[in-house]
Amino acid sequence: MAKPVSLLDVTTMTELRKDSHPSIYAGGGSKLNDCSHWCLPGLPDAWNQLLYTDLLGNV
């Protein structure tokens, strides 16, 4: 590869967060898939912070 590639390992962090599965796949909740929960602050914001930190460290 011409450019180095780095991967962010977010699997463990994602599994441990209570707000990581706000859909029907978490069990117990509604039978409808409610994707509006992904618009709330939470897990995607944590991923963005990790990515931003990684990008700043590789400049």
PDB file of N, CA and C in Angstrom:
ATOM      1  N   MET A   1       0.834  -1.187   0.000  1.00  0.00           N
ATOM      2  CA  MET A   1       0.000   0.000   0.000  1.00  0.00           C
ATOM      3  C   MET A   1       0.875   1.245   0.000  1.00  0.00           C
ATOM      4  N   ALA A   2       0.427   2.221  -0.720  1.00  0.00           N
ATOM      5  CA  ALA A   2       1.168   3.478  -0.779  1.00  0.00           C
ATOM      6  C   ALA A   2       1.011   4.290   0.499  1.00  0.00           C
ATOM      7  N   LYS A   3      -0.134   4.199   1.116  1.00  0.00           N
ATOM      8  CA  LYS A   3      -0.407   4.948   2.357  1.00  0.00           C
ATOM      9  C   LYS A   3      -0.688   3.961   3.485  1.00  0.00           C
ATOM     10  N   PRO A   4      -0.159   4.240   4.679  1.00  0.00           N
ATOM     11  CA  PRO A   4      -0.446   3.339   5.804  1.00  0.00           C
ATOM     12  C   PRO A   4      -1.906   3.418   6.234  1.00  0.00           C
ATOM     13  N   VAL A   5      -2.417   2.294   6.650  1.00  0.00           N
ATOM     14  CA  VAL A   5      -3.807   2.210   7.093  1.00  0.00           C
ATOM     15  C   VAL A   5      -3.816   1.789   8.560  1.00  0.00           C
ATOM     16  N   SER A   6      -4.638   2.460   9.349  1.00  0.00           N
ATOM     17  CA  SER A   6      -4.791   2.044  10.747  1.00  0.00           C
ATOM     18  C   SER A   6      -6.261   1.755  11.010  1.00  0.00           C
ATOM     19  N   LEU A   7      -6.497   0.802  11.873  1.00  0.00           N
ATOM     20  CA  LEU A   7      -7.861   0.422  12.233  1.00  0.00           C
ATOM     21  C   LEU A   7      -8.121   0.810  13.680  1.00  0.00           C
ATOM     22  N   LEU A   8      -9.317   1.285  13.940  1.00  0.00           N
ATOM     23  CA  LEU A   8      -9.722   1.591  15.306  1.00  0.00           C
ATOM     24  C   LEU A   8     -10.502   0.402  15.844  1.00  0.00           C
ATOM     25  N   ASP A   9     -10.027  -0.180  16.908  1.00  0.00           N
ATOM     26  CA  ASP A   9     -10.717  -1.316  17.514  1.00  0.00           C
ATOM     27  C   ASP A   9     -11.754  -0.783  18.496  1.00  0.00           C
ATOM     28  N   VAL A  10     -12.990  -0.687  18.037  1.00  0.00           N
ATOM     29  CA  VAL A  10     -14.073  -0.144  18.859  1.00  0.00           C
ATOM     30  C   VAL A  10     -15.024  -1.239  19.345  1.00  0.00           C
ATOM     31  N   THR A  11     -14.705  -2.487  19.062  1.00  0.00           N
ATOM     32  CA  THR A  11     -15.617  -3.582  19.378  1.00  0.00           C
ATOM     33  C   THR A  11     -15.887  -3.700  20.871  1.00  0.00           C
ATOM     34  N   THR A  12     -14.837  -3.768  21.677  1.00  0.00           N
ATOM     35  CA  THR A  12     -15.018  -3.939  23.120  1.00  0.00           C
ATOM     36  C   THR A  12     -15.748  -2.749  23.720  1.00  0.00           C
ATOM     37  N   MET A  13     -15.333  -1.548  23.324  1.00  0.00           N
ATOM     38  CA  MET A  13     -15.981  -0.347  23.840  1.00  0.00           C
ATOM     39  C   MET A  13     -17.467  -0.328  23.470  1.00  0.00           C
ATOM     40  N   THR A  14     -17.779  -0.731  22.251  1.00  0.00           N
ATOM     41  CA  THR A  14     -19.159  -0.734  21.788  1.00  0.00           C
ATOM     42  C   THR A  14     -20.004  -1.748  22.554  1.00  0.00           C
ATOM     43  N   GLU A  15     -19.443  -2.923  22.796  1.00  0.00           N
ATOM     44  CA  GLU A  15     -20.190  -3.962  23.504  1.00  0.00           C
ATOM     45  C   GLU A  15     -20.463  -3.596  24.955  1.00  0.00           C
ATOM     46  N   LEU A  16     -19.568  -2.842  25.587  1.00  0.00           N
ATOM     47  CA  LEU A  16     -19.701  -2.533  27.005  1.00  0.00           C
ATOM     48  C   LEU A  16     -20.627  -1.359  27.299  1.00  0.00           C
ATOM     49  N   ARG A  17     -20.898  -0.526  26.304  1.00  0.00           N
ATOM     50  CA  ARG A  17     -21.749   0.639  26.541  1.00  0.00           C
ATOM     51  C   ARG A  17     -23.216   0.240  26.559  1.00  0.00           C
ATOM     52  N   LYS A  18     -23.940   0.768  27.518  1.00  0.00           N
ATOM     53  CA  LYS A  18     -25.367   0.447  27.646  1.00  0.00           C
ATOM     54  C   LYS A  18     -26.177   1.000  26.473  1.00  0.00           C
ATOM     55  N   ASP A  19     -25.743   2.125  25.914  1.00  0.00           N
ATOM     56  CA  ASP A  19     -26.477   2.749  24.816  1.00  0.00           C
ATOM     57  C   ASP A  19     -26.002   2.279  23.442  1.00  0.00           C
ATOM     58  N   SER A  20     -25.253   1.174  23.394  1.00  0.00           N
ATOM     59  CA  SER A  20     -24.674   0.762  22.119  1.00  0.00           C
ATOM     60  C   SER A  20     -25.645   0.038  21.201  1.00  0.00           C
ATOM     61  N   HIS A  21     -26.742  -0.482  21.724  1.00  0.00           N
ATOM     62  CA  HIS A  21     -27.695  -1.215  20.892  1.00  0.00           C
ATOM     63  C   HIS A  21     -29.116  -0.721  21.144  1.00  0.00           C
ATOM     64  N   PRO A  22     -29.469   0.469  20.646  1.00  0.00           N
ATOM     65  CA  PRO A  22     -30.800   1.006  20.918  1.00  0.00           C
ATOM     66  C   PRO A  22     -31.873   0.519  19.952  1.00  0.00           C
ATOM     67  N   SER A  23     -31.677  -0.617  19.337  1.00  0.00           N
ATOM     68  CA  SER A  23     -32.649  -1.089  18.352  1.00  0.00           C
ATOM     69  C   SER A  23     -33.324  -2.368  18.840  1.00  0.00           C
ATOM     70  N   ILE A  24     -34.058  -3.006  17.949  1.00  0.00           N
ATOM     71  CA  ILE A  24     -34.773  -4.238  18.285  1.00  0.00           C
ATOM     72  C   ILE A  24     -33.812  -5.378  18.603  1.00  0.00           C
ATOM     73  N   TYR A  25     -32.559  -5.269  18.183  1.00  0.00           N
ATOM     74  CA  TYR A  25     -31.600  -6.346  18.373  1.00  0.00           C
ATOM     75  C   TYR A  25     -31.060  -6.405  19.796  1.00  0.00           C
ATOM     76  N   ALA A  26     -31.322  -5.383  20.601  1.00  0.00           N
ATOM     77  CA  ALA A  26     -30.858  -5.374  21.989  1.00  0.00           C
ATOM     78  C   ALA A  26     -31.734  -6.261  22.863  1.00  0.00           C
ATOM     79  N   GLY A  27     -32.899  -6.576  22.393  1.00  0.00           N
ATOM     80  CA  GLY A  27     -33.808  -7.418  23.164  1.00  0.00           C
ATOM     81  C   GLY A  27     -34.626  -6.607  24.149  1.00  0.00           C
ATOM     82  N   GLY A  28     -35.834  -7.036  24.359  1.00  0.00           N
ATOM     83  CA  GLY A  28     -36.679  -6.405  25.356  1.00  0.00           C
ATOM     84  C   GLY A  28     -37.483  -5.224  24.858  1.00  0.00           C
ATOM     85  N   GLY A  29     -36.965  -4.444  23.976  1.00  0.00           N
ATOM     86  CA  GLY A  29     -37.632  -3.213  23.567  1.00  0.00           C
ATOM     87  C   GLY A  29     -38.773  -3.435  22.603  1.00  0.00           C
ATOM     88  N   SER A  30     -39.055  -2.422  21.856  1.00  0.00           N
ATOM     89  CA  SER A  30     -40.131  -2.442  20.878  1.00  0.00           C
ATOM     90  C   SER A  30     -39.811  -3.411  19.745  1.00  0.00           C
ATOM     91  N   LYS A  31     -40.834  -3.871  19.067  1.00  0.00           N
ATOM     92  CA  LYS A  31     -40.637  -4.760  17.922  1.00  0.00           C
ATOM     93  C   LYS A  31     -40.294  -3.978  16.654  1.00  0.00           C
ATOM     94  N   LEU A  32     -40.415  -2.657  16.714  1.00  0.00           N
ATOM     95  CA  LEU A  32     -40.088  -1.822  15.564  1.00  0.00           C
ATOM     96  C   LEU A  32     -38.664  -1.306  15.686  1.00  0.00           C
ATOM     97  N   ASN A  33     -37.981  -1.220  14.559  1.00  0.00           N
ATOM     98  CA  ASN A  33     -36.623  -0.697  14.553  1.00  0.00           C
ATOM     99  C   ASN A  33     -36.684   0.824  14.569  1.00  0.00           C
ATOM    100  N   ASP A  34     -36.248   1.427  15.646  1.00  0.00           N
ATOM    101  CA  ASP A  34     -36.321   2.872  15.823  1.00  0.00           C
ATOM    102  C   ASP A  34     -34.946   3.483  15.595  1.00  0.00           C
ATOM    103  N   CYS A  35     -34.679   3.920  14.377  1.00  0.00           N
ATOM    104  CA  CYS A  35     -33.354   4.440  14.058  1.00  0.00           C
ATOM    105  C   CYS A  35     -33.145   5.870  14.553  1.00  0.00           C
ATOM    106  N   SER A  36     -34.158   6.510  15.107  1.00  0.00           N
ATOM    107  CA  SER A  36     -33.972   7.872  15.615  1.00  0.00           C
ATOM    108  C   SER A  36     -33.046   7.897  16.827  1.00  0.00           C
ATOM    109  N   HIS A  37     -32.882   6.763  17.504  1.00  0.00           N
ATOM    110  CA  HIS A  37     -31.977   6.728  18.654  1.00  0.00           C
ATOM    111  C   HIS A  37     -30.530   6.977  18.243  1.00  0.00           C
ATOM    112  N   TRP A  38     -30.185   6.670  17.013  1.00  0.00           N
ATOM    113  CA  TRP A  38     -28.815   6.899  16.572  1.00  0.00           C
ATOM    114  C   TRP A  38     -28.537   8.386  16.389  1.00  0.00           C
ATOM    115  N   CYS A  39     -29.553   9.225  16.418  1.00  0.00           N
ATOM    116  CA  CYS A  39     -29.361  10.670  16.326  1.00  0.00           C
ATOM    117  C   CYS A  39     -29.029  11.279  17.686  1.00  0.00           C
ATOM    118  N   LEU A  40     -29.207  10.520  18.747  1.00  0.00           N
ATOM    119  CA  LEU A  40     -28.914  11.009  20.087  1.00  0.00           C
ATOM    120  C   LEU A  40     -27.411  10.952  20.346  1.00  0.00           C
ATOM    121  N   PRO A  41     -26.913  11.782  21.260  1.00  0.00           N
ATOM    122  CA  PRO A  41     -25.494  11.688  21.610  1.00  0.00           C
ATOM    123  C   PRO A  41     -25.201  10.329  22.227  1.00  0.00           C
ATOM    124  N   GLY A  42     -24.059   9.803  21.956  1.00  0.00           N
ATOM    125  CA  GLY A  42     -23.719   8.503  22.525  1.00  0.00           C
ATOM    126  C   GLY A  42     -22.600   7.827  21.777  1.00  0.00           C
ATOM    127  N   LEU A  43     -22.838   6.604  21.382  1.00  0.00           N
ATOM    128  CA  LEU A  43     -21.803   5.767  20.804  1.00  0.00           C
ATOM    129  C   LEU A  43     -21.166   6.332  19.533  1.00  0.00           C
ATOM    130  N   PRO A  44     -21.929   6.781  18.529  1.00  0.00           N
ATOM    131  CA  PRO A  44     -21.275   7.343  17.348  1.00  0.00           C
ATOM    132  C   PRO A  44     -20.381   8.542  17.683  1.00  0.00           C
ATOM    133  N   ASP A  45     -20.747   9.316  18.691  1.00  0.00           N
ATOM    134  CA  ASP A  45     -19.901  10.434  19.106  1.00  0.00           C
ATOM    135  C   ASP A  45     -18.588   9.929  19.701  1.00  0.00           C
ATOM    136  N   ALA A  46     -18.639   8.844  20.435  1.00  0.00           N
ATOM    137  CA  ALA A  46     -17.418   8.257  20.994  1.00  0.00           C
ATOM    138  C   ALA A  46     -16.512   7.752  19.873  1.00  0.00           C
ATOM    139  N   TRP A  47     -17.103   7.121  18.843  1.00  0.00           N
ATOM    140  CA  TRP A  47     -16.305   6.692  17.690  1.00  0.00           C
ATOM    141  C   TRP A  47     -15.652   7.889  17.014  1.00  0.00           C
ATOM    142  N   ASN A  48     -16.408   8.978  16.851  1.00  0.00           N
ATOM    143  CA  ASN A  48     -15.861  10.175  16.216  1.00  0.00           C
ATOM    144  C   ASN A  48     -14.708  10.760  17.015  1.00  0.00           C
ATOM    145  N   GLN A  49     -14.804  10.755  18.335  1.00  0.00           N
ATOM    146  CA  GLN A  49     -13.713  11.264  19.169  1.00  0.00           C
ATOM    147  C   GLN A  49     -12.461  10.408  19.013  1.00  0.00           C
ATOM    148  N   LEU A  50     -12.629   9.095  18.959  1.00  0.00           N
ATOM    149  CA  LEU A  50     -11.477   8.217  18.748  1.00  0.00           C
ATOM    150  C   LEU A  50     -10.838   8.456  17.386  1.00  0.00           C
ATOM    151  N   LEU A  51     -11.659   8.594  16.362  1.00  0.00           N
ATOM    152  CA  LEU A  51     -11.146   8.843  15.018  1.00  0.00           C
ATOM    153  C   LEU A  51     -10.417  10.177  14.952  1.00  0.00           C
ATOM    154  N   TYR A  52     -10.991  11.208  15.538  1.00  0.00           N
ATOM    155  CA  TYR A  52     -10.376  12.535  15.546  1.00  0.00           C
ATOM    156  C   TYR A  52      -9.027  12.503  16.270  1.00  0.00           C
ATOM    157  N   THR A  53      -8.978  11.824  17.409  1.00  0.00           N
ATOM    158  CA  THR A  53      -7.727  11.705  18.158  1.00  0.00           C
ATOM    159  C   THR A  53      -6.679  10.959  17.347  1.00  0.00           C
ATOM    160  N   ASP A  54      -7.096   9.900  16.660  1.00  0.00           N
ATOM    161  CA  ASP A  54      -6.174   9.136  15.828  1.00  0.00           C
ATOM    162  C   ASP A  54      -5.656   9.976  14.666  1.00  0.00           C
ATOM    163  N   LEU A  55      -6.535  10.736  14.043  1.00  0.00           N
ATOM    164  CA  LEU A  55      -6.115  11.587  12.928  1.00  0.00           C
ATOM    165  C   LEU A  55      -5.132  12.659  13.381  1.00  0.00           C
ATOM    166  N   LEU A  56      -5.375  13.264  14.536  1.00  0.00           N
ATOM    167  CA  LEU A  56      -4.458  14.283  15.048  1.00  0.00           C
ATOM    168  C   LEU A  56      -3.102  13.688  15.406  1.00  0.00           C
ATOM    169  N   GLY A  57      -3.106  12.454  15.872  1.00  0.00           N
ATOM    170  CA  GLY A  57      -1.855  11.799  16.234  1.00  0.00           C
ATOM    171  C   GLY A  57      -1.029  11.375  15.039  1.00  0.00           C
ATOM    172  N   ASN A  58      -1.660  11.250  13.880  1.00  0.00           N
ATOM    173  CA  ASN A  58      -0.962  10.805  12.670  1.00  0.00           C
ATOM    174  C   ASN A  58      -0.643  11.931  11.709  1.00  0.00           C
ATOM    175  N   VAL A  59      -0.761  13.170  12.159  1.00  0.00           N
ATOM    176  CA  VAL A  59      -0.492  14.313  11.262  1.00  0.00           C
ATOM    177  C   VAL A  59       0.984  14.528  11.144  1.00  0.00           C
TER     178      VAL A  59
END
